Amino acid sequence: MVHQSVDQRRKLEEMNLEQVADEMASDPTSHNHHAAQAEFARRQAVWQRDAAKATQQSAYYMMWLALGIWVTTGLLALFTFLLWYAPQTPAQ
């Protein structure tokens, strides 16, 4: 029985999402239905893990972009001050 369950899981893992949904639409008391539900839950967990990784990477990039904007704004303020101050110094 266990060997059959492992074979069923591997078969479902190779199916596309539509085929898994078709298996889930079978009789709710059947073994195939429960195996398809387990495969669907596994895929959801994998997708959520991948989405979390992508979100974390995006947040990392946003942090560096915000730091770059902060540095650029500081430099802009410095150069604006220097351009305002330079013409007011006495000429020698």
N, C-alpha and C. Protein backbone atom coordinates (compact mmCIF):
# COMPACT_ATOMS: atom_id res chain seq x y z
N MET A 1 0.82 -1.21 0.00
CA MET A 1 0.00 0.00 0.00
C MET A 1 0.86 1.27 0.00
N VAL A 2 1.95 1.25 0.78
CA VAL A 2 2.81 2.43 0.85
C VAL A 2 3.48 2.66 -0.50
N HIS A 3 3.92 1.58 -1.13
CA HIS A 3 4.58 1.70 -2.43
C HIS A 3 3.61 2.29 -3.46
N GLN A 4 2.35 1.90 -3.39
CA GLN A 4 1.34 2.43 -4.31
C GLN A 4 1.12 3.92 -4.04
N SER A 5 1.13 4.32 -2.77
CA SER A 5 0.95 5.74 -2.43
C SER A 5 2.11 6.58 -2.94
N VAL A 6 3.32 6.05 -2.84
CA VAL A 6 4.49 6.77 -3.33
C VAL A 6 4.42 6.91 -4.84
N ASP A 7 4.03 5.85 -5.52
CA ASP A 7 3.88 5.92 -6.98
C ASP A 7 2.81 6.93 -7.37
N GLN A 8 1.70 6.95 -6.62
CA GLN A 8 0.62 7.91 -6.90
C GLN A 8 1.13 9.34 -6.71
N ARG A 9 1.90 9.57 -5.64
CA ARG A 9 2.43 10.91 -5.38
C ARG A 9 3.37 11.35 -6.49
N ARG A 10 4.23 10.45 -6.92
CA ARG A 10 5.15 10.80 -8.00
C ARG A 10 4.42 11.07 -9.29
N LYS A 11 3.37 10.30 -9.56
CA LYS A 11 2.57 10.52 -10.77
C LYS A 11 1.91 11.90 -10.71
N LEU A 12 1.35 12.26 -9.56
CA LEU A 12 0.70 13.56 -9.41
C LEU A 12 1.72 14.70 -9.50
N GLU A 13 2.92 14.47 -9.01
CA GLU A 13 3.96 15.50 -9.05
C GLU A 13 4.33 15.86 -10.48
N GLU A 14 4.25 14.91 -11.38
CA GLU A 14 4.60 15.15 -12.78
C GLU A 14 3.45 15.76 -13.57
N MET A 15 2.23 15.72 -13.03
CA MET A 15 1.08 16.29 -13.74
C MET A 15 1.10 17.81 -13.68
N ASN A 16 0.44 18.44 -14.67
CA ASN A 16 0.30 19.88 -14.59
C ASN A 16 -0.88 20.21 -13.67
N LEU A 17 -1.08 21.48 -13.39
CA LEU A 17 -2.08 21.89 -12.41
C LEU A 17 -3.50 21.50 -12.83
N GLU A 18 -3.80 21.58 -14.10
CA GLU A 18 -5.14 21.22 -14.56
C GLU A 18 -5.42 19.74 -14.34
N GLN A 19 -4.41 18.92 -14.57
CA GLN A 19 -4.59 17.48 -14.38
C GLN A 19 -4.77 17.16 -12.89
N VAL A 20 -4.06 17.85 -12.03
CA VAL A 20 -4.24 17.65 -10.59
C VAL A 20 -5.64 18.08 -10.18
N ALA A 21 -6.12 19.18 -10.74
CA ALA A 21 -7.48 19.64 -10.44
C ALA A 21 -8.51 18.61 -10.90
N ASP A 22 -8.28 17.99 -12.04
CA ASP A 22 -9.19 16.94 -12.51
C ASP A 22 -9.20 15.77 -11.54
N GLU A 23 -8.04 15.41 -11.00
CA GLU A 23 -7.98 14.33 -10.01
C GLU A 23 -8.73 14.73 -8.74
N MET A 24 -8.64 16.01 -8.37
CA MET A 24 -9.34 16.48 -7.17
C MET A 24 -10.85 16.48 -7.36
N ALA A 25 -11.28 16.57 -8.61
CA ALA A 25 -12.72 16.59 -8.88
C ALA A 25 -13.34 15.20 -8.82
N SER A 26 -12.52 14.19 -8.62
CA SER A 26 -13.06 12.83 -8.53
C SER A 26 -13.80 12.65 -7.20
N ASP A 27 -14.27 11.47 -6.98
CA ASP A 27 -15.05 11.13 -5.79
C ASP A 27 -14.30 11.55 -4.51
N PRO A 28 -14.92 12.38 -3.66
CA PRO A 28 -14.23 12.89 -2.46
C PRO A 28 -13.78 11.80 -1.48
N THR A 29 -14.30 10.61 -1.60
CA THR A 29 -13.89 9.54 -0.68
C THR A 29 -12.79 8.66 -1.26
N SER A 30 -12.37 8.94 -2.49
CA SER A 30 -11.37 8.09 -3.13
C SER A 30 -9.95 8.46 -2.69
N HIS A 31 -9.07 7.51 -2.85
CA HIS A 31 -7.66 7.73 -2.53
C HIS A 31 -7.05 8.77 -3.47
N ASN A 32 -7.45 8.74 -4.74
CA ASN A 32 -6.92 9.70 -5.72
C ASN A 32 -7.26 11.13 -5.33
N HIS A 33 -8.46 11.33 -4.83
CA HIS A 33 -8.89 12.67 -4.42
C HIS A 33 -7.99 13.20 -3.30
N HIS A 34 -7.75 12.36 -2.29
CA HIS A 34 -6.92 12.79 -1.17
C HIS A 34 -5.47 12.98 -1.58
N ALA A 35 -4.98 12.14 -2.47
CA ALA A 35 -3.62 12.29 -2.96
C ALA A 35 -3.48 13.59 -3.76
N ALA A 36 -4.49 13.91 -4.56
CA ALA A 36 -4.46 15.15 -5.34
C ALA A 36 -4.51 16.36 -4.42
N GLN A 37 -5.31 16.28 -3.36
CA GLN A 37 -5.35 17.39 -2.40
C GLN A 37 -3.99 17.59 -1.74
N ALA A 38 -3.34 16.49 -1.40
CA ALA A 38 -2.01 16.59 -0.79
C ALA A 38 -1.00 17.20 -1.77
N GLU A 39 -1.07 16.81 -3.03
CA GLU A 39 -0.17 17.37 -4.04
C GLU A 39 -0.43 18.86 -4.23
N PHE A 40 -1.70 19.24 -4.23
CA PHE A 40 -2.04 20.65 -4.38
C PHE A 40 -1.51 21.45 -3.19
N ALA A 41 -1.65 20.92 -1.99
CA ALA A 41 -1.13 21.59 -0.79
C ALA A 41 0.39 21.70 -0.86
N ARG A 42 1.06 20.67 -1.37
CA ARG A 42 2.52 20.71 -1.50
C ARG A 42 2.94 21.80 -2.47
N ARG A 43 2.22 21.88 -3.60
CA ARG A 43 2.55 22.92 -4.58
C ARG A 43 2.32 24.31 -4.02
N GLN A 44 1.25 24.48 -3.24
CA GLN A 44 1.00 25.78 -2.62
C GLN A 44 2.15 26.16 -1.70
N ALA A 45 2.64 25.21 -0.92
CA ALA A 45 3.75 25.48 -0.01
C ALA A 45 5.00 25.88 -0.78
N VAL A 46 5.27 25.21 -1.88
CA VAL A 46 6.44 25.54 -2.70
C VAL A 46 6.29 26.94 -3.30
N TRP A 47 5.10 27.24 -3.80
CA TRP A 47 4.86 28.58 -4.39
C TRP A 47 5.00 29.66 -3.33
N GLN A 48 4.47 29.41 -2.13
CA GLN A 48 4.58 30.40 -1.06
C GLN A 48 6.03 30.60 -0.65
N ARG A 49 6.81 29.53 -0.60
CA ARG A 49 8.23 29.64 -0.27
C ARG A 49 8.96 30.47 -1.33
N ASP A 50 8.66 30.20 -2.60
CA ASP A 50 9.31 30.95 -3.67
C ASP A 50 8.90 32.42 -3.64
N ALA A 51 7.63 32.69 -3.34
CA ALA A 51 7.16 34.07 -3.25
C ALA A 51 7.82 34.80 -2.09
N ALA A 52 8.02 34.10 -0.98
CA ALA A 52 8.69 34.71 0.17
C ALA A 52 10.13 35.06 -0.16
N LYS A 53 10.81 34.17 -0.88
CA LYS A 53 12.19 34.45 -1.29
C LYS A 53 12.24 35.66 -2.21
N ALA A 54 11.32 35.73 -3.16
CA ALA A 54 11.30 36.86 -4.10
C ALA A 54 10.99 38.16 -3.36
N THR A 55 10.08 38.11 -2.39
CA THR A 55 9.75 39.30 -1.62
C THR A 55 10.94 39.76 -0.79
N GLN A 56 11.65 38.81 -0.21
CA GLN A 56 12.83 39.15 0.58
C GLN A 56 13.90 39.79 -0.30
N GLN A 57 14.11 39.25 -1.48
CA GLN A 57 15.10 39.81 -2.40
C GLN A 57 14.67 41.20 -2.85
N SER A 58 13.39 41.38 -3.12
CA SER A 58 12.88 42.69 -3.52
C SER A 58 13.06 43.71 -2.41
N ALA A 59 12.82 43.31 -1.18
CA ALA A 59 13.01 44.22 -0.04
C ALA A 59 14.48 44.61 0.10
N TYR A 60 15.37 43.67 -0.15
CA TYR A 60 16.81 43.95 -0.09
C TYR A 60 17.19 44.99 -1.14
N TYR A 61 16.69 44.83 -2.36
CA TYR A 61 16.97 45.81 -3.41
C TYR A 61 16.37 47.17 -3.08
N MET A 62 15.17 47.19 -2.53
CA MET A 62 14.54 48.46 -2.17
C MET A 62 15.34 49.18 -1.09
N MET A 63 15.91 48.42 -0.15
CA MET A 63 16.72 49.04 0.89
C MET A 63 17.93 49.74 0.27
N TRP A 64 18.61 49.07 -0.65
CA TRP A 64 19.77 49.69 -1.31
C TRP A 64 19.37 50.88 -2.17
N LEU A 65 18.21 50.79 -2.82
CA LEU A 65 17.74 51.93 -3.61
C LEU A 65 17.42 53.13 -2.73
N ALA A 66 16.79 52.88 -1.58
CA ALA A 66 16.49 53.97 -0.65
C ALA A 66 17.78 54.60 -0.12
N LEU A 67 18.77 53.77 0.17
CA LEU A 67 20.06 54.30 0.61
C LEU A 67 20.70 55.15 -0.48
N GLY A 68 20.63 54.70 -1.72
CA GLY A 68 21.17 55.48 -2.84
C GLY A 68 20.45 56.80 -3.01
N ILE A 69 19.15 56.80 -2.87
CA ILE A 69 18.38 58.05 -2.98
C ILE A 69 18.77 58.99 -1.85
N TRP A 70 18.95 58.45 -0.65
CA TRP A 70 19.33 59.28 0.49
C TRP A 70 20.70 59.93 0.26
N VAL A 71 21.65 59.17 -0.22
CA VAL A 71 23.00 59.71 -0.49
C VAL A 71 22.93 60.75 -1.61
N THR A 72 22.20 60.47 -2.66
CA THR A 72 22.07 61.40 -3.78
C THR A 72 21.42 62.70 -3.34
N THR A 73 20.40 62.60 -2.51
CA THR A 73 19.72 63.81 -2.02
C THR A 73 20.67 64.63 -1.15
N GLY A 74 21.47 63.95 -0.32
CA GLY A 74 22.45 64.67 0.50
C GLY A 74 23.48 65.40 -0.35
N LEU A 75 23.97 64.71 -1.39
CA LEU A 75 24.94 65.36 -2.28
C LEU A 75 24.32 66.53 -3.03
N LEU A 76 23.08 66.37 -3.45
CA LEU A 76 22.38 67.46 -4.14
C LEU A 76 22.25 68.67 -3.21
N ALA A 77 21.90 68.43 -1.96
CA ALA A 77 21.79 69.54 -1.00
C ALA A 77 23.14 70.21 -0.79
N LEU A 78 24.21 69.42 -0.70
CA LEU A 78 25.55 69.98 -0.53
C LEU A 78 25.95 70.84 -1.72
N PHE A 79 25.77 70.34 -2.92
CA PHE A 79 26.15 71.10 -4.12
C PHE A 79 25.27 72.33 -4.31
N THR A 80 24.00 72.24 -3.95
CA THR A 80 23.13 73.42 -4.03
C THR A 80 23.62 74.49 -3.07
N PHE A 81 24.00 74.10 -1.87
CA PHE A 81 24.54 75.06 -0.91
C PHE A 81 25.84 75.68 -1.43
N LEU A 82 26.73 74.85 -1.98
CA LEU A 82 28.00 75.38 -2.49
C LEU A 82 27.79 76.33 -3.65
N LEU A 83 26.84 76.05 -4.53
CA LEU A 83 26.54 76.97 -5.63
C LEU A 83 25.94 78.27 -5.12
N TRP A 84 25.18 78.22 -4.06
CA TRP A 84 24.61 79.44 -3.48
C TRP A 84 25.69 80.24 -2.75
N TYR A 85 26.59 79.54 -2.05
CA TYR A 85 27.58 80.20 -1.23
C TYR A 85 28.75 80.74 -2.04
N ALA A 86 29.17 80.06 -3.11
CA ALA A 86 30.36 80.44 -3.88
C ALA A 86 30.27 81.85 -4.46
N PRO A 87 29.20 82.27 -5.07
CA PRO A 87 29.18 83.64 -5.64
C PRO A 87 29.20 84.73 -4.56
N GLN A 88 28.90 84.39 -3.33
CA GLN A 88 28.85 85.40 -2.28
C GLN A 88 30.21 85.61 -1.61
N THR A 89 31.18 84.80 -1.91
CA THR A 89 32.51 85.01 -1.31
C THR A 89 33.17 86.19 -2.00
N PRO A 90 33.94 86.98 -1.25
CA PRO A 90 34.61 88.15 -1.87
C PRO A 90 35.66 87.70 -2.88
N ALA A 91 35.70 88.39 -4.01
CA ALA A 91 36.68 88.08 -5.06
C ALA A 91 38.02 88.67 -4.66
N GLN A 92 39.08 87.94 -4.94
CA GLN A 92 40.42 88.42 -4.57
C GLN A 92 41.28 88.61 -5.77
